[in-house]
Amino acid sequence: MSDKPRKLKFSMRLKGPGGVNVSFWRFTEIPQHRRVDPHGQGGNFSLYDEGWETIEGTYTIQPNEVVYFVIDSGGGDAVIDDLVVLPEK
């Protein structure tokens, strides 16, 4: 946990048809451990063909928070490969 904002970048390859929703579940320890609402939005990504496509995005973690990176179905049968989440420098 940091008292300064931190930026994350994420990327993944998706193959459709289908989609995924990316979100960031936020938590803090101040003044006590608890979830913070609303969740941070990473994006909704949909593919309409069978080919691979690279998806990228960023998210800024607020001061005194930690996050869980969450992917859920956006419908269909999307396949995910090469998922990377890193701090942006």
N, C-alpha and C. Protein backbone atom coordinates (compact mmCIF):
# COMPACT_ATOMS: atom_id res chain seq x y z
N MET A 1 0.85 -1.16 0.00
CA MET A 1 0.00 0.00 0.00
C MET A 1 0.90 1.23 0.00
N SER A 2 0.45 2.26 -0.70
CA SER A 2 1.23 3.49 -0.82
C SER A 2 0.33 4.69 -0.56
N ASP A 3 0.93 5.76 -0.10
CA ASP A 3 0.16 6.99 0.10
C ASP A 3 0.14 7.86 -1.15
N LYS A 4 0.63 7.30 -2.27
CA LYS A 4 0.63 7.99 -3.56
C LYS A 4 -0.12 7.15 -4.60
N PRO A 5 -0.71 7.78 -5.62
CA PRO A 5 -1.34 7.00 -6.69
C PRO A 5 -0.30 6.18 -7.45
N ARG A 6 -0.68 5.01 -7.90
CA ARG A 6 0.19 4.16 -8.72
C ARG A 6 -0.59 3.72 -9.94
N LYS A 7 0.10 3.63 -11.07
CA LYS A 7 -0.55 3.27 -12.31
C LYS A 7 -0.17 1.84 -12.72
N LEU A 8 -1.17 1.06 -13.13
CA LEU A 8 -0.97 -0.28 -13.67
C LEU A 8 -1.26 -0.27 -15.16
N LYS A 9 -0.60 -1.15 -15.88
CA LYS A 9 -0.98 -1.38 -17.27
C LYS A 9 -1.24 -2.88 -17.42
N PHE A 10 -2.20 -3.22 -18.26
CA PHE A 10 -2.51 -4.63 -18.50
C PHE A 10 -2.66 -4.87 -19.99
N SER A 11 -2.37 -6.09 -20.37
CA SER A 11 -2.58 -6.50 -21.76
C SER A 11 -2.90 -7.99 -21.77
N MET A 12 -3.62 -8.39 -22.79
CA MET A 12 -3.95 -9.80 -23.00
C MET A 12 -4.33 -9.99 -24.45
N ARG A 13 -4.24 -11.23 -24.88
CA ARG A 13 -4.74 -11.57 -26.21
C ARG A 13 -6.08 -12.26 -26.03
N LEU A 14 -7.05 -11.87 -26.86
CA LEU A 14 -8.39 -12.46 -26.83
C LEU A 14 -8.71 -13.04 -28.19
N LYS A 15 -9.47 -14.12 -28.15
CA LYS A 15 -9.96 -14.74 -29.38
C LYS A 15 -11.45 -14.97 -29.19
N GLY A 16 -12.25 -14.52 -30.14
CA GLY A 16 -13.71 -14.57 -30.02
C GLY A 16 -14.32 -15.76 -30.73
N PRO A 17 -15.63 -15.73 -30.93
CA PRO A 17 -16.49 -14.60 -30.59
C PRO A 17 -16.82 -14.60 -29.10
N GLY A 18 -16.93 -13.41 -28.56
CA GLY A 18 -17.25 -13.26 -27.15
C GLY A 18 -16.55 -12.05 -26.59
N GLY A 19 -16.57 -11.92 -25.28
CA GLY A 19 -15.95 -10.76 -24.67
C GLY A 19 -15.62 -10.98 -23.22
N VAL A 20 -14.89 -10.03 -22.67
CA VAL A 20 -14.55 -10.03 -21.24
C VAL A 20 -14.74 -8.63 -20.68
N ASN A 21 -15.01 -8.57 -19.39
CA ASN A 21 -15.07 -7.31 -18.65
C ASN A 21 -13.92 -7.30 -17.66
N VAL A 22 -13.17 -6.22 -17.63
CA VAL A 22 -12.05 -6.07 -16.70
C VAL A 22 -12.45 -5.03 -15.65
N SER A 23 -12.25 -5.39 -14.38
CA SER A 23 -12.50 -4.43 -13.31
C SER A 23 -11.44 -4.59 -12.23
N PHE A 24 -11.41 -3.65 -11.32
CA PHE A 24 -10.44 -3.65 -10.23
C PHE A 24 -11.22 -3.50 -8.93
N TRP A 25 -11.21 -4.56 -8.12
CA TRP A 25 -11.87 -4.49 -6.82
C TRP A 25 -10.93 -3.78 -5.87
N ARG A 26 -11.43 -2.74 -5.23
CA ARG A 26 -10.62 -1.84 -4.42
C ARG A 26 -10.77 -2.16 -2.93
N PHE A 27 -9.64 -2.10 -2.21
CA PHE A 27 -9.62 -2.34 -0.77
C PHE A 27 -8.68 -1.33 -0.11
N THR A 28 -8.93 -1.04 1.16
CA THR A 28 -8.07 -0.15 1.93
C THR A 28 -7.90 -0.71 3.34
N GLU A 29 -6.89 -0.23 4.02
CA GLU A 29 -6.65 -0.59 5.43
C GLU A 29 -6.95 0.60 6.34
N ILE A 30 -7.33 1.72 5.74
CA ILE A 30 -7.51 2.95 6.52
C ILE A 30 -8.99 3.32 6.53
N PRO A 31 -9.66 3.52 7.61
CA PRO A 31 -9.16 3.34 8.98
C PRO A 31 -9.15 1.87 9.39
N GLN A 32 -9.81 1.00 8.62
CA GLN A 32 -9.79 -0.45 8.89
C GLN A 32 -9.90 -1.17 7.56
N HIS A 33 -9.61 -2.47 7.57
CA HIS A 33 -9.68 -3.23 6.32
C HIS A 33 -11.12 -3.28 5.83
N ARG A 34 -11.32 -2.84 4.61
CA ARG A 34 -12.66 -2.85 4.04
C ARG A 34 -12.59 -2.71 2.52
N ARG A 35 -13.67 -3.12 1.87
CA ARG A 35 -13.80 -2.94 0.43
C ARG A 35 -14.24 -1.50 0.16
N VAL A 36 -13.77 -0.95 -0.95
CA VAL A 36 -14.14 0.39 -1.37
C VAL A 36 -15.01 0.28 -2.61
N ASP A 37 -16.16 0.95 -2.60
CA ASP A 37 -17.04 0.96 -3.77
C ASP A 37 -17.03 2.36 -4.38
N PRO A 38 -17.24 2.49 -5.66
CA PRO A 38 -17.50 1.43 -6.62
C PRO A 38 -16.20 0.78 -7.09
N HIS A 39 -16.32 -0.37 -7.77
CA HIS A 39 -15.15 -1.01 -8.36
C HIS A 39 -14.58 -0.10 -9.44
N GLY A 40 -13.27 -0.20 -9.64
CA GLY A 40 -12.64 0.53 -10.74
C GLY A 40 -12.88 -0.19 -12.05
N GLN A 41 -13.14 0.56 -13.10
CA GLN A 41 -13.41 -0.03 -14.40
C GLN A 41 -12.15 -0.09 -15.25
N GLY A 42 -11.89 -1.29 -15.79
CA GLY A 42 -10.76 -1.47 -16.70
C GLY A 42 -11.18 -1.50 -18.15
N GLY A 43 -12.46 -1.84 -18.38
CA GLY A 43 -12.98 -1.84 -19.75
C GLY A 43 -13.79 -3.07 -20.07
N ASN A 44 -14.62 -2.95 -21.09
CA ASN A 44 -15.41 -4.05 -21.64
C ASN A 44 -14.93 -4.29 -23.06
N PHE A 45 -14.51 -5.51 -23.35
CA PHE A 45 -13.90 -5.81 -24.63
C PHE A 45 -14.66 -6.94 -25.31
N SER A 46 -15.09 -6.71 -26.55
CA SER A 46 -15.84 -7.72 -27.30
C SER A 46 -15.17 -7.98 -28.63
N LEU A 47 -15.18 -9.25 -29.02
CA LEU A 47 -14.64 -9.67 -30.32
C LEU A 47 -15.74 -10.39 -31.09
N TYR A 48 -15.74 -10.19 -32.40
CA TYR A 48 -16.81 -10.77 -33.21
C TYR A 48 -16.31 -11.82 -34.20
N ASP A 49 -15.00 -12.05 -34.23
CA ASP A 49 -14.48 -13.08 -35.14
C ASP A 49 -13.58 -14.03 -34.37
N GLU A 50 -13.05 -15.01 -35.07
CA GLU A 50 -12.26 -16.07 -34.44
C GLU A 50 -10.78 -15.73 -34.30
N GLY A 51 -10.32 -14.60 -34.83
CA GLY A 51 -8.90 -14.27 -34.79
C GLY A 51 -8.46 -13.70 -33.44
N TRP A 52 -7.15 -13.76 -33.19
CA TRP A 52 -6.58 -13.21 -31.96
C TRP A 52 -6.45 -11.70 -32.08
N GLU A 53 -6.72 -11.00 -30.97
CA GLU A 53 -6.57 -9.55 -30.91
C GLU A 53 -5.95 -9.19 -29.57
N THR A 54 -5.04 -8.22 -29.57
CA THR A 54 -4.41 -7.78 -28.33
C THR A 54 -5.21 -6.61 -27.74
N ILE A 55 -5.52 -6.73 -26.46
CA ILE A 55 -6.27 -5.71 -25.71
C ILE A 55 -5.33 -5.11 -24.68
N GLU A 56 -5.34 -3.80 -24.53
CA GLU A 56 -4.49 -3.13 -23.55
C GLU A 56 -5.29 -2.08 -22.78
N GLY A 57 -4.84 -1.79 -21.57
CA GLY A 57 -5.48 -0.75 -20.79
C GLY A 57 -4.62 -0.34 -19.62
N THR A 58 -5.06 0.70 -18.92
CA THR A 58 -4.36 1.18 -17.74
C THR A 58 -5.38 1.44 -16.63
N TYR A 59 -4.88 1.50 -15.41
CA TYR A 59 -5.71 1.81 -14.26
C TYR A 59 -4.83 2.48 -13.21
N THR A 60 -5.35 3.51 -12.56
CA THR A 60 -4.62 4.19 -11.50
C THR A 60 -5.16 3.75 -10.15
N ILE A 61 -4.29 3.17 -9.32
CA ILE A 61 -4.65 2.78 -7.96
C ILE A 61 -4.59 4.03 -7.09
N GLN A 62 -5.65 4.29 -6.36
CA GLN A 62 -5.73 5.48 -5.52
C GLN A 62 -4.82 5.33 -4.28
N PRO A 63 -4.41 6.45 -3.69
CA PRO A 63 -3.58 6.37 -2.48
C PRO A 63 -4.26 5.54 -1.39
N ASN A 64 -3.46 4.78 -0.66
CA ASN A 64 -3.91 3.96 0.47
C ASN A 64 -4.89 2.86 0.07
N GLU A 65 -4.82 2.41 -1.19
CA GLU A 65 -5.66 1.30 -1.65
C GLU A 65 -4.80 0.22 -2.28
N VAL A 66 -5.32 -0.99 -2.27
CA VAL A 66 -4.80 -2.11 -3.04
C VAL A 66 -5.95 -2.60 -3.91
N VAL A 67 -5.63 -3.32 -4.99
CA VAL A 67 -6.68 -3.79 -5.89
C VAL A 67 -6.49 -5.26 -6.24
N TYR A 68 -7.61 -5.91 -6.56
CA TYR A 68 -7.62 -7.23 -7.19
C TYR A 68 -7.99 -7.01 -8.64
N PHE A 69 -7.24 -7.61 -9.55
CA PHE A 69 -7.53 -7.55 -10.98
C PHE A 69 -8.58 -8.63 -11.27
N VAL A 70 -9.71 -8.26 -11.83
CA VAL A 70 -10.83 -9.19 -12.01
C VAL A 70 -11.25 -9.23 -13.48
N ILE A 71 -11.41 -10.44 -14.01
CA ILE A 71 -11.93 -10.63 -15.36
C ILE A 71 -13.19 -11.47 -15.24
N ASP A 72 -14.28 -11.02 -15.88
CA ASP A 72 -15.47 -11.87 -15.96
C ASP A 72 -16.00 -11.87 -17.38
N SER A 73 -16.90 -12.77 -17.64
CA SER A 73 -17.40 -12.97 -18.99
C SER A 73 -18.23 -11.79 -19.46
N GLY A 74 -17.96 -11.39 -20.68
CA GLY A 74 -18.77 -10.37 -21.32
C GLY A 74 -19.75 -11.01 -22.29
N GLY A 75 -19.89 -12.34 -22.19
CA GLY A 75 -20.78 -13.08 -23.08
C GLY A 75 -20.00 -13.80 -24.16
N GLY A 76 -20.53 -14.92 -24.61
CA GLY A 76 -19.87 -15.69 -25.66
C GLY A 76 -18.80 -16.61 -25.12
N ASP A 77 -17.87 -16.95 -26.00
CA ASP A 77 -16.84 -17.92 -25.68
C ASP A 77 -15.44 -17.36 -25.91
N ALA A 78 -15.11 -16.24 -25.35
CA ALA A 78 -13.79 -15.64 -25.53
C ALA A 78 -12.72 -16.50 -24.86
N VAL A 79 -11.58 -16.59 -25.51
CA VAL A 79 -10.41 -17.29 -24.99
C VAL A 79 -9.35 -16.24 -24.67
N ILE A 80 -8.71 -16.36 -23.50
CA ILE A 80 -7.69 -15.40 -23.06
C ILE A 80 -6.33 -16.07 -23.05
N ASP A 81 -5.31 -15.36 -23.52
CA ASP A 81 -3.94 -15.85 -23.50
C ASP A 81 -3.01 -14.67 -23.22
N ASP A 82 -1.82 -14.97 -22.74
CA ASP A 82 -0.76 -13.97 -22.55
C ASP A 82 -1.21 -12.77 -21.71
N LEU A 83 -1.83 -13.02 -20.57
CA LEU A 83 -2.28 -11.95 -19.68
C LEU A 83 -1.08 -11.42 -18.90
N VAL A 84 -0.92 -10.08 -18.92
CA VAL A 84 0.18 -9.43 -18.19
C VAL A 84 -0.39 -8.20 -17.49
N VAL A 85 -0.08 -8.06 -16.18
CA VAL A 85 -0.43 -6.87 -15.41
C VAL A 85 0.84 -6.39 -14.72
N LEU A 86 1.26 -5.16 -15.02
CA LEU A 86 2.52 -4.62 -14.51
C LEU A 86 2.35 -3.18 -14.02
N PRO A 87 3.20 -2.76 -13.07
CA PRO A 87 3.21 -1.34 -12.72
C PRO A 87 3.76 -0.53 -13.89
N GLU A 88 3.15 0.61 -14.14
CA GLU A 88 3.64 1.49 -15.19
C GLU A 88 4.63 2.44 -14.59
N LYS A 89 5.78 2.61 -15.23
CA LYS A 89 6.83 3.46 -14.68
C LYS A 89 6.87 4.78 -15.38
